[in-house]
Full PDB file with SEQRES, HELIX, SHEET, SSBOND, CRYST1, ORIGX, SCALE, CONECT and MASTER records, all heavy atoms in Angstrom:
SEQRES   1 A   36  ALA GLN GLY GLU TYR ARG GLU ILE PRO LEU SER GLN LEU          
SEQRES   2 A   36  GLU LYS GLY VAL GLU ARG PRO LEU VAL ILE GLU ILE ASN          
SEQRES   3 A   36  ASP SER LEU LYS ILE ALA LEU ALA GLU ALA                      
HELIX    1 AA1 LEU A   10  GLN A   12  5                                   3    
SHEET    1 AA1 2 LEU A  21  ASN A  26  0                                        
SHEET    2 AA1 2 LEU A  29  LEU A  33 -1                                        
CRYST1    1.000    1.000    1.000  90.00  90.00  90.00 P 1           1          
ORIGX1      1.000000  0.000000  0.000000        0.00000                         
ORIGX2      0.000000  1.000000  0.000000        0.00000                         
ORIGX3      0.000000  0.000000  1.000000        0.00000                         
SCALE1      1.000000  0.000000  0.000000        0.00000                         
SCALE2      0.000000  1.000000  0.000000        0.00000                         
SCALE3      0.000000  0.000000  1.000000        0.00000                         
ATOM      1  N   ALA A   1      56.472  44.704 105.819  1.00  0.00           N  
ATOM      2  CA  ALA A   1      56.983  44.490 104.481  1.00  0.00           C  
ATOM      3  C   ALA A   1      55.871  44.029 103.607  1.00  0.00           C  
ATOM      4  O   ALA A   1      55.880  44.254 102.379  1.00  0.00           O  
ATOM      5  CB  ALA A   1      58.048  43.424 104.559  1.00  0.00           C  
ATOM      6  N   GLN A   2      54.886  43.379 104.072  1.00  0.00           N  
ATOM      7  CA  GLN A   2      53.685  42.985 103.325  1.00  0.00           C  
ATOM      8  C   GLN A   2      52.531  43.899 103.493  1.00  0.00           C  
ATOM      9  O   GLN A   2      51.351  43.648 103.086  1.00  0.00           O  
ATOM     10  CB  GLN A   2      53.382  41.590 103.759  1.00  0.00           C  
ATOM     11  CG  GLN A   2      54.429  40.548 103.471  1.00  0.00           C  
ATOM     12  CD  GLN A   2      54.060  39.212 103.984  1.00  0.00           C  
ATOM     13  OE1 GLN A   2      53.325  38.382 103.389  1.00  0.00           O  
ATOM     14  NE2 GLN A   2      54.444  39.006 105.209  1.00  0.00           N  
ATOM     15  N   GLY A   3      52.823  45.137 104.153  1.00  0.00           N  
ATOM     16  CA  GLY A   3      51.675  45.987 104.444  1.00  0.00           C  
ATOM     17  C   GLY A   3      51.141  46.708 103.227  1.00  0.00           C  
ATOM     18  O   GLY A   3      51.754  46.711 102.183  1.00  0.00           O  
ATOM     19  N   GLU A   4      50.059  47.446 103.413  1.00  0.00           N  
ATOM     20  CA  GLU A   4      49.419  48.300 102.385  1.00  0.00           C  
ATOM     21  C   GLU A   4      50.023  49.634 102.346  1.00  0.00           C  
ATOM     22  O   GLU A   4      50.255  50.403 103.282  1.00  0.00           O  
ATOM     23  CB  GLU A   4      47.916  48.353 102.630  1.00  0.00           C  
ATOM     24  CG  GLU A   4      47.226  49.186 101.698  1.00  0.00           C  
ATOM     25  CD  GLU A   4      45.677  49.180 101.919  1.00  0.00           C  
ATOM     26  OE1 GLU A   4      45.291  48.546 102.849  1.00  0.00           O  
ATOM     27  OE2 GLU A   4      44.970  49.862 101.120  1.00  0.00           O  
ATOM     28  N   TYR A   5      50.484  50.061 101.137  1.00  0.00           N  
ATOM     29  CA  TYR A   5      51.152  51.293 100.877  1.00  0.00           C  
ATOM     30  C   TYR A   5      50.089  52.396 100.954  1.00  0.00           C  
ATOM     31  O   TYR A   5      48.891  52.166 100.413  1.00  0.00           O  
ATOM     32  CB  TYR A   5      51.770  51.226  99.529  1.00  0.00           C  
ATOM     33  CG  TYR A   5      53.118  50.786  99.507  1.00  0.00           C  
ATOM     34  CD1 TYR A   5      53.484  49.410  99.131  1.00  0.00           C  
ATOM     35  CD2 TYR A   5      54.305  51.653  99.819  1.00  0.00           C  
ATOM     36  CE1 TYR A   5      54.802  48.976  99.155  1.00  0.00           C  
ATOM     37  CE2 TYR A   5      55.588  51.151  99.750  1.00  0.00           C  
ATOM     38  CZ  TYR A   5      55.769  49.868  99.510  1.00  0.00           C  
ATOM     39  OH  TYR A   5      57.109  49.333  99.524  1.00  0.00           O  
ATOM     40  N   ARG A   6      50.582  53.591 101.395  1.00  0.00           N  
ATOM     41  CA  ARG A   6      49.614  54.740 101.338  1.00  0.00           C  
ATOM     42  C   ARG A   6      50.507  55.951 100.882  1.00  0.00           C  
ATOM     43  O   ARG A   6      51.634  56.083 101.314  1.00  0.00           O  
ATOM     44  CB  ARG A   6      49.096  55.057 102.759  1.00  0.00           C  
ATOM     45  CG  ARG A   6      48.065  53.959 103.275  1.00  0.00           C  
ATOM     46  CD  ARG A   6      47.578  54.383 104.643  1.00  0.00           C  
ATOM     47  NE  ARG A   6      48.625  54.499 105.587  1.00  0.00           N  
ATOM     48  CZ  ARG A   6      48.700  55.416 106.544  1.00  0.00           C  
ATOM     49  NH1 ARG A   6      47.623  56.425 106.619  1.00  0.00           N  
ATOM     50  NH2 ARG A   6      49.569  55.417 107.471  1.00  0.00           N  
ATOM     51  N   GLU A   7      49.985  56.825 100.163  1.00  0.00           N  
ATOM     52  CA  GLU A   7      50.591  58.082  99.826  1.00  0.00           C  
ATOM     53  C   GLU A   7      50.280  59.092 100.858  1.00  0.00           C  
ATOM     54  O   GLU A   7      49.087  59.502 100.944  1.00  0.00           O  
ATOM     55  CB  GLU A   7      50.273  58.623  98.401  1.00  0.00           C  
ATOM     56  CG  GLU A   7      50.969  59.836  97.882  1.00  0.00           C  
ATOM     57  CD  GLU A   7      50.465  60.327  96.639  1.00  0.00           C  
ATOM     58  OE1 GLU A   7      49.326  60.076  96.284  1.00  0.00           O  
ATOM     59  OE2 GLU A   7      51.210  60.991  95.986  1.00  0.00           O  
ATOM     60  N   ILE A   8      51.158  59.682 101.482  1.00  0.00           N  
ATOM     61  CA  ILE A   8      51.023  60.600 102.688  1.00  0.00           C  
ATOM     62  C   ILE A   8      52.101  61.631 102.566  1.00  0.00           C  
ATOM     63  O   ILE A   8      53.168  61.383 102.064  1.00  0.00           O  
ATOM     64  CB  ILE A   8      51.052  59.849 104.094  1.00  0.00           C  
ATOM     65  CG1 ILE A   8      52.337  59.185 104.285  1.00  0.00           C  
ATOM     66  CG2 ILE A   8      49.785  58.953 104.228  1.00  0.00           C  
ATOM     67  CD1 ILE A   8      52.548  58.684 105.716  1.00  0.00           C  
ATOM     68  N   PRO A   9      51.860  62.756 103.262  1.00  0.00           N  
ATOM     69  CA  PRO A   9      52.969  63.764 103.401  1.00  0.00           C  
ATOM     70  C   PRO A   9      54.020  63.177 104.374  1.00  0.00           C  
ATOM     71  O   PRO A   9      53.711  62.469 105.341  1.00  0.00           O  
ATOM     72  CB  PRO A   9      52.292  64.981 104.085  1.00  0.00           C  
ATOM     73  CG  PRO A   9      50.829  64.723 103.893  1.00  0.00           C  
ATOM     74  CD  PRO A   9      50.619  63.411 103.775  1.00  0.00           C  
ATOM     75  N   LEU A  10      55.256  63.546 104.150  1.00  0.00           N  
ATOM     76  CA  LEU A  10      56.364  62.945 104.981  1.00  0.00           C  
ATOM     77  C   LEU A  10      56.206  63.262 106.529  1.00  0.00           C  
ATOM     78  O   LEU A  10      56.607  62.669 107.424  1.00  0.00           O  
ATOM     79  CB  LEU A  10      57.784  63.274 104.525  1.00  0.00           C  
ATOM     80  CG  LEU A  10      58.231  64.755 104.480  1.00  0.00           C  
ATOM     81  CD1 LEU A  10      58.944  65.105 105.821  1.00  0.00           C  
ATOM     82  CD2 LEU A  10      59.382  64.856 103.399  1.00  0.00           C  
ATOM     83  N   SER A  11      55.443  64.491 106.678  1.00  0.00           N  
ATOM     84  CA  SER A  11      55.149  64.888 108.131  1.00  0.00           C  
ATOM     85  C   SER A  11      54.345  63.925 108.782  1.00  0.00           C  
ATOM     86  O   SER A  11      54.020  64.020 110.120  1.00  0.00           O  
ATOM     87  CB  SER A  11      54.625  66.278 108.077  1.00  0.00           C  
ATOM     88  OG  SER A  11      53.444  66.351 107.490  1.00  0.00           O  
ATOM     89  N   GLN A  12      53.571  63.140 108.210  1.00  0.00           N  
ATOM     90  CA  GLN A  12      52.668  62.174 108.714  1.00  0.00           C  
ATOM     91  C   GLN A  12      53.219  60.720 108.847  1.00  0.00           C  
ATOM     92  O   GLN A  12      52.481  59.761 109.022  1.00  0.00           O  
ATOM     93  CB  GLN A  12      51.257  62.197 108.088  1.00  0.00           C  
ATOM     94  CG  GLN A  12      50.607  63.476 108.054  1.00  0.00           C  
ATOM     95  CD  GLN A  12      49.231  63.408 107.295  1.00  0.00           C  
ATOM     96  OE1 GLN A  12      48.769  62.398 106.918  1.00  0.00           O  
ATOM     97  NE2 GLN A  12      48.802  64.599 107.016  1.00  0.00           N  
ATOM     98  N   LEU A  13      54.504  60.514 108.585  1.00  0.00           N  
ATOM     99  CA  LEU A  13      55.196  59.186 108.664  1.00  0.00           C  
ATOM    100  C   LEU A  13      54.884  58.583 110.177  1.00  0.00           C  
ATOM    101  O   LEU A  13      54.790  59.396 111.088  1.00  0.00           O  
ATOM    102  CB  LEU A  13      56.559  59.303 108.426  1.00  0.00           C  
ATOM    103  CG  LEU A  13      56.941  59.356 107.013  1.00  0.00           C  
ATOM    104  CD1 LEU A  13      58.512  59.565 106.895  1.00  0.00           C  
ATOM    105  CD2 LEU A  13      56.646  58.086 106.181  1.00  0.00           C  
ATOM    106  N   GLU A  14      54.721  57.296 110.027  1.00  0.00           N  
ATOM    107  CA  GLU A  14      54.617  56.600 111.313  1.00  0.00           C  
ATOM    108  C   GLU A  14      55.826  55.849 111.653  1.00  0.00           C  
ATOM    109  O   GLU A  14      56.517  55.395 110.740  1.00  0.00           O  
ATOM    110  CB  GLU A  14      53.247  55.789 111.347  1.00  0.00           C  
ATOM    111  CG  GLU A  14      51.994  56.493 111.006  1.00  0.00           C  
ATOM    112  CD  GLU A  14      50.862  55.520 110.781  1.00  0.00           C  
ATOM    113  OE1 GLU A  14      50.762  54.576 111.571  1.00  0.00           O  
ATOM    114  OE2 GLU A  14      49.978  55.700 109.903  1.00  0.00           O  
ATOM    115  N   LYS A  15      56.152  55.323 112.768  1.00  0.00           N  
ATOM    116  CA  LYS A  15      57.004  54.579 113.290  1.00  0.00           C  
ATOM    117  C   LYS A  15      57.195  53.191 112.522  1.00  0.00           C  
ATOM    118  O   LYS A  15      56.187  52.491 112.344  1.00  0.00           O  
ATOM    119  CB  LYS A  15      57.090  54.423 114.727  1.00  0.00           C  
ATOM    120  CG  LYS A  15      58.407  53.812 115.331  1.00  0.00           C  
ATOM    121  CD  LYS A  15      58.373  53.673 116.898  1.00  0.00           C  
ATOM    122  CE  LYS A  15      59.619  53.283 117.416  1.00  0.00           C  
ATOM    123  NZ  LYS A  15      59.654  53.283 118.832  1.00  0.00           N  
ATOM    124  N   GLY A  16      58.411  52.857 112.211  1.00  0.00           N  
ATOM    125  CA  GLY A  16      58.606  51.490 111.610  1.00  0.00           C  
ATOM    126  C   GLY A  16      58.314  51.399 110.131  1.00  0.00           C  
ATOM    127  O   GLY A  16      58.086  50.376 109.580  1.00  0.00           O  
ATOM    128  N   VAL A  17      58.489  52.411 109.220  1.00  0.00           N  
ATOM    129  CA  VAL A  17      58.198  52.450 107.873  1.00  0.00           C  
ATOM    130  C   VAL A  17      59.323  51.660 107.192  1.00  0.00           C  
ATOM    131  O   VAL A  17      60.520  51.833 107.439  1.00  0.00           O  
ATOM    132  CB  VAL A  17      58.070  53.916 107.313  1.00  0.00           C  
ATOM    133  CG1 VAL A  17      58.018  53.832 105.776  1.00  0.00           C  
ATOM    134  CG2 VAL A  17      56.888  54.516 107.893  1.00  0.00           C  
ATOM    135  N   GLU A  18      58.847  50.755 106.282  1.00  0.00           N  
ATOM    136  CA  GLU A  18      59.840  50.002 105.591  1.00  0.00           C  
ATOM    137  C   GLU A  18      60.668  50.662 104.427  1.00  0.00           C  
ATOM    138  O   GLU A  18      60.249  51.744 104.055  1.00  0.00           O  
ATOM    139  CB  GLU A  18      59.065  48.805 104.839  1.00  0.00           C  
ATOM    140  CG  GLU A  18      59.197  47.516 105.574  1.00  0.00           C  
ATOM    141  CD  GLU A  18      60.485  46.737 105.458  1.00  0.00           C  
ATOM    142  OE1 GLU A  18      61.553  47.453 104.800  1.00  0.00           O  
ATOM    143  OE2 GLU A  18      60.581  45.665 105.940  1.00  0.00           O  
ATOM    144  N   ARG A  19      61.711  50.008 104.081  1.00  0.00           N  
ATOM    145  CA  ARG A  19      62.452  50.623 103.014  1.00  0.00           C  
ATOM    146  C   ARG A  19      62.399  49.699 101.751  1.00  0.00           C  
ATOM    147  O   ARG A  19      62.057  48.423 101.901  1.00  0.00           O  
ATOM    148  CB  ARG A  19      63.952  50.799 103.395  1.00  0.00           C  
ATOM    149  CG  ARG A  19      64.823  49.600 103.623  1.00  0.00           C  
ATOM    150  CD  ARG A  19      64.683  48.894 105.058  1.00  0.00           C  
ATOM    151  NE  ARG A  19      65.577  47.882 105.160  1.00  0.00           N  
ATOM    152  CZ  ARG A  19      65.416  46.615 104.886  1.00  0.00           C  
ATOM    153  NH1 ARG A  19      64.375  46.185 104.395  1.00  0.00           N  
ATOM    154  NH2 ARG A  19      66.295  45.780 105.228  1.00  0.00           N  
ATOM    155  N   PRO A  20      62.565  50.137 100.528  1.00  0.00           N  
ATOM    156  CA  PRO A  20      62.770  51.560 100.194  1.00  0.00           C  
ATOM    157  C   PRO A  20      61.612  52.505 100.448  1.00  0.00           C  
ATOM    158  O   PRO A  20      60.410  51.993 100.246  1.00  0.00           O  
ATOM    159  CB  PRO A  20      63.134  51.392  98.615  1.00  0.00           C  
ATOM    160  CG  PRO A  20      63.264  49.947  98.327  1.00  0.00           C  
ATOM    161  CD  PRO A  20      62.476  49.299  99.466  1.00  0.00           C  
ATOM    162  N   LEU A  21      61.970  53.713 100.676  1.00  0.00           N  
ATOM    163  CA  LEU A  21      60.850  54.740 100.968  1.00  0.00           C  
ATOM    164  C   LEU A  21      61.051  55.671  99.709  1.00  0.00           C  
ATOM    165  O   LEU A  21      61.953  56.498  99.648  1.00  0.00           O  
ATOM    166  CB  LEU A  21      61.110  55.445 102.240  1.00  0.00           C  
ATOM    167  CG  LEU A  21      60.127  56.639 102.554  1.00  0.00           C  
ATOM    168  CD1 LEU A  21      58.619  56.135 102.590  1.00  0.00           C  
ATOM    169  CD2 LEU A  21      60.587  57.337 103.896  1.00  0.00           C  
ATOM    170  N   VAL A  22      59.985  55.663  98.847  1.00  0.00           N  
ATOM    171  CA  VAL A  22      59.958  56.565  97.714  1.00  0.00           C  
ATOM    172  C   VAL A  22      59.334  57.961  98.020  1.00  0.00           C  
ATOM    173  O   VAL A  22      58.360  58.011  98.799  1.00  0.00           O  
ATOM    174  CB  VAL A  22      59.278  55.925  96.612  1.00  0.00           C  
ATOM    175  CG1 VAL A  22      58.970  56.903  95.357  1.00  0.00           C  
ATOM    176  CG2 VAL A  22      59.914  54.645  96.042  1.00  0.00           C  
ATOM    177  N   ILE A  23      60.079  59.002  97.628  1.00  0.00           N  
ATOM    178  CA  ILE A  23      59.757  60.311  97.832  1.00  0.00           C  
ATOM    179  C   ILE A  23      59.540  61.106  96.582  1.00  0.00           C  
ATOM    180  O   ILE A  23      60.441  61.195  95.844  1.00  0.00           O  
ATOM    181  CB  ILE A  23      60.705  60.970  98.851  1.00  0.00           C  
ATOM    182  CG1 ILE A  23      60.864  60.221 100.135  1.00  0.00           C  
ATOM    183  CG2 ILE A  23      60.219  62.430  99.269  1.00  0.00           C  
ATOM    184  CD1 ILE A  23      62.097  60.689 100.942  1.00  0.00           C  
ATOM    185  N   GLU A  24      58.397  61.792  96.383  1.00  0.00           N  
ATOM    186  CA  GLU A  24      58.211  62.423  95.237  1.00  0.00           C  
ATOM    187  C   GLU A  24      58.486  63.925  95.321  1.00  0.00           C  
ATOM    188  O   GLU A  24      57.842  64.662  95.934  1.00  0.00           O  
ATOM    189  CB  GLU A  24      56.693  62.373  94.793  1.00  0.00           C  
ATOM    190  CG  GLU A  24      56.172  60.861  94.484  1.00  0.00           C  
ATOM    191  CD  GLU A  24      55.137  60.800  93.690  1.00  0.00           C  
ATOM    192  OE1 GLU A  24      54.698  61.711  92.906  1.00  0.00           O  
ATOM    193  OE2 GLU A  24      54.405  59.732  93.715  1.00  0.00           O  
ATOM    194  N   ILE A  25      59.797  64.314  94.815  1.00  0.00           N  
ATOM    195  CA  ILE A  25      60.206  65.667  95.119  1.00  0.00           C  
ATOM    196  C   ILE A  25      59.495  66.636  94.189  1.00  0.00           C  
ATOM    197  O   ILE A  25      59.115  67.764  94.609  1.00  0.00           O  
ATOM    198  CB  ILE A  25      61.722  65.739  94.832  1.00  0.00           C  
ATOM    199  CG1 ILE A  25      62.519  64.769  95.744  1.00  0.00           C  
ATOM    200  CG2 ILE A  25      62.304  67.102  95.017  1.00  0.00           C  
ATOM    201  CD1 ILE A  25      62.333  65.008  97.283  1.00  0.00           C  
ATOM    202  N   ASN A  26      59.375  66.313  92.969  1.00  0.00           N  
ATOM    203  CA  ASN A  26      58.609  67.144  91.891  1.00  0.00           C  
ATOM    204  C   ASN A  26      58.362  66.306  90.712  1.00  0.00           C  
ATOM    205  O   ASN A  26      58.558  65.044  90.759  1.00  0.00           O  
ATOM    206  CB  ASN A  26      59.386  68.376  91.504  1.00  0.00           C  
ATOM    207  CG  ASN A  26      60.813  68.199  91.073  1.00  0.00           C  
ATOM    208  OD1 ASN A  26      61.011  67.351  90.201  1.00  0.00           O  
ATOM    209  ND2 ASN A  26      61.708  68.896  91.533  1.00  0.00           N  
ATOM    210  N   ASP A  27      57.880  66.831  89.658  1.00  0.00           N  
ATOM    211  CA  ASP A  27      57.429  66.066  88.490  1.00  0.00           C  
ATOM    212  C   ASP A  27      58.668  65.510  87.765  1.00  0.00           C  
ATOM    213  O   ASP A  27      58.615  64.590  86.917  1.00  0.00           O  
ATOM    214  CB  ASP A  27      56.680  67.028  87.536  1.00  0.00           C  
ATOM    215  CG  ASP A  27      55.350  67.301  88.087  1.00  0.00           C  
ATOM    216  OD1 ASP A  27      54.818  66.599  88.811  1.00  0.00           O  
ATOM    217  OD2 ASP A  27      54.702  68.282  87.525  1.00  0.00           O  
ATOM    218  N   SER A  28      59.948  66.043  87.992  1.00  0.00           N  
ATOM    219  CA  SER A  28      61.142  65.590  87.280  1.00  0.00           C  
ATOM    220  C   SER A  28      62.031  65.030  88.194  1.00  0.00           C  
ATOM    221  O   SER A  28      63.229  64.812  87.911  1.00  0.00           O  
ATOM    222  CB  SER A  28      61.715  66.672  86.481  1.00  0.00           C  
ATOM    223  OG  SER A  28      62.018  67.878  87.271  1.00  0.00           O  
ATOM    224  N   LEU A  29      61.689  64.713  89.441  1.00  0.00           N  
ATOM    225  CA  LEU A  29      62.718  63.992  90.361  1.00  0.00           C  
ATOM    226  C   LEU A  29      61.920  63.188  91.390  1.00  0.00           C  
ATOM    227  O   LEU A  29      61.007  63.731  92.161  1.00  0.00           O  
ATOM    228  CB  LEU A  29      63.494  65.096  91.103  1.00  0.00           C  
ATOM    229  CG  LEU A  29      64.391  64.574  92.121  1.00  0.00           C  
ATOM    230  CD1 LEU A  29      65.501  63.648  91.578  1.00  0.00           C  
ATOM    231  CD2 LEU A  29      65.081  65.736  92.866  1.00  0.00           C  
ATOM    232  N   LYS A  30      62.275  61.935  91.371  1.00  0.00           N  
ATOM    233  CA  LYS A  30      61.887  61.041  92.469  1.00  0.00           C  
ATOM    234  C   LYS A  30      63.020  60.433  93.175  1.00  0.00           C  
ATOM    235  O   LYS A  30      64.036  60.144  92.395  1.00  0.00           O  
ATOM    236  CB  LYS A  30      60.956  59.781  91.860  1.00  0.00           C  
ATOM    237  CG  LYS A  30      59.880  60.335  90.986  1.00  0.00           C  
ATOM    238  CD  LYS A  30      58.695  60.967  91.673  1.00  0.00           C  
ATOM    239  CE  LYS A  30      57.417  61.188  90.852  1.00  0.00           C  
ATOM    240  NZ  LYS A  30      57.718  62.387  89.972  1.00  0.00           N  
ATOM    241  N   ILE A  31      62.977  60.289  94.447  1.00  0.00           N  
ATOM    242  CA  ILE A  31      64.077  59.549  95.107  1.00  0.00           C  
ATOM    243  C   ILE A  31      63.691  58.372  96.022  1.00  0.00           C  
ATOM    244  O   ILE A  31      62.440  58.397  96.366  1.00  0.00           O  
ATOM    245  CB  ILE A  31      64.781  60.705  96.024  1.00  0.00           C  
ATOM    246  CG1 ILE A  31      64.109  61.137  97.243  1.00  0.00           C  
ATOM    247  CG2 ILE A  31      65.300  61.942  95.234  1.00  0.00           C  
ATOM    248  CD1 ILE A  31      64.908  61.870  98.231  1.00  0.00           C  
ATOM    249  N   ALA A  32      64.477  57.585  96.488  1.00  0.00           N  
ATOM    250  CA  ALA A  32      64.032  56.540  97.270  1.00  0.00           C  
ATOM    251  C   ALA A  32      65.256  56.349  98.397  1.00  0.00           C  
ATOM    252  O   ALA A  32      66.450  56.156  97.975  1.00  0.00           O  
ATOM    253  CB  ALA A  32      63.917  55.211  96.493  1.00  0.00           C  
ATOM    254  N   LEU A  33      64.874  56.351  99.686  1.00  0.00           N  
ATOM    255  CA  LEU A  33      65.793  55.975 100.705  1.00  0.00           C  
ATOM    256  C   LEU A  33      65.719  54.491 100.833  1.00  0.00           C  
ATOM    257  O   LEU A  33      64.793  53.894 101.044  1.00  0.00           O  
ATOM    258  CB  LEU A  33      65.267  56.741 101.913  1.00  0.00           C  
ATOM    259  CG  LEU A  33      65.163  58.260 101.990  1.00  0.00           C  
ATOM    260  CD1 LEU A  33      64.804  58.780 103.372  1.00  0.00           C  
ATOM    261  CD2 LEU A  33      66.310  58.865 101.376  1.00  0.00           C  
ATOM    262  N   ALA A  34      66.916  53.916 100.872  1.00  0.00           N  
ATOM    263  CA  ALA A  34      67.165  52.453 100.672  1.00  0.00           C  
ATOM    264  C   ALA A  34      68.396  51.986 101.606  1.00  0.00           C  
ATOM    265  O   ALA A  34      69.015  52.859 102.259  1.00  0.00           O  
ATOM    266  CB  ALA A  34      67.124  52.021  99.443  1.00  0.00           C  
ATOM    267  N   GLU A  35      68.547  50.756 101.578  1.00  0.00           N  
ATOM    268  CA  GLU A  35      69.546  50.117 102.418  1.00  0.00           C  
ATOM    269  C   GLU A  35      70.217  49.109 101.548  1.00  0.00           C  
ATOM    270  O   GLU A  35      69.469  48.235 100.776  1.00  0.00           O  
ATOM    271  CB  GLU A  35      69.121  49.544 103.610  1.00  0.00           C  
ATOM    272  CG  GLU A  35      70.161  48.805 104.529  1.00  0.00           C  
ATOM    273  CD  GLU A  35      69.595  48.552 105.894  1.00  0.00           C  
ATOM    274  OE1 GLU A  35      68.435  48.085 105.953  1.00  0.00           O  
ATOM    275  OE2 GLU A  35      70.364  48.399 106.881  1.00  0.00           O  
ATOM    276  N   ALA A  36      71.546  48.806 101.662  1.00  0.00           N  
ATOM    277  CA  ALA A  36      72.228  47.844 100.726  1.00  0.00           C  
ATOM    278  C   ALA A  36      73.305  47.172 101.745  1.00  0.00           C  
ATOM    279  O   ALA A  36      73.811  47.884 102.689  1.00  0.00           O  
ATOM    280  CB  ALA A  36      72.906  48.410  99.563  1.00  0.00           C  
TER     281      ALA A  36                                                      
MASTER        0    0    0    1    2    0    0    6  280    1    0    3          
END                                                                             
């Protein structure tokens, strides 16, 4: 949770990635996978 953020392709995700996970779909759409 206090780790350093990196911008990577989703195909290079590593195990244990924190949430929220922001994903850049295109210039007019950003999404975030989260938990509530």
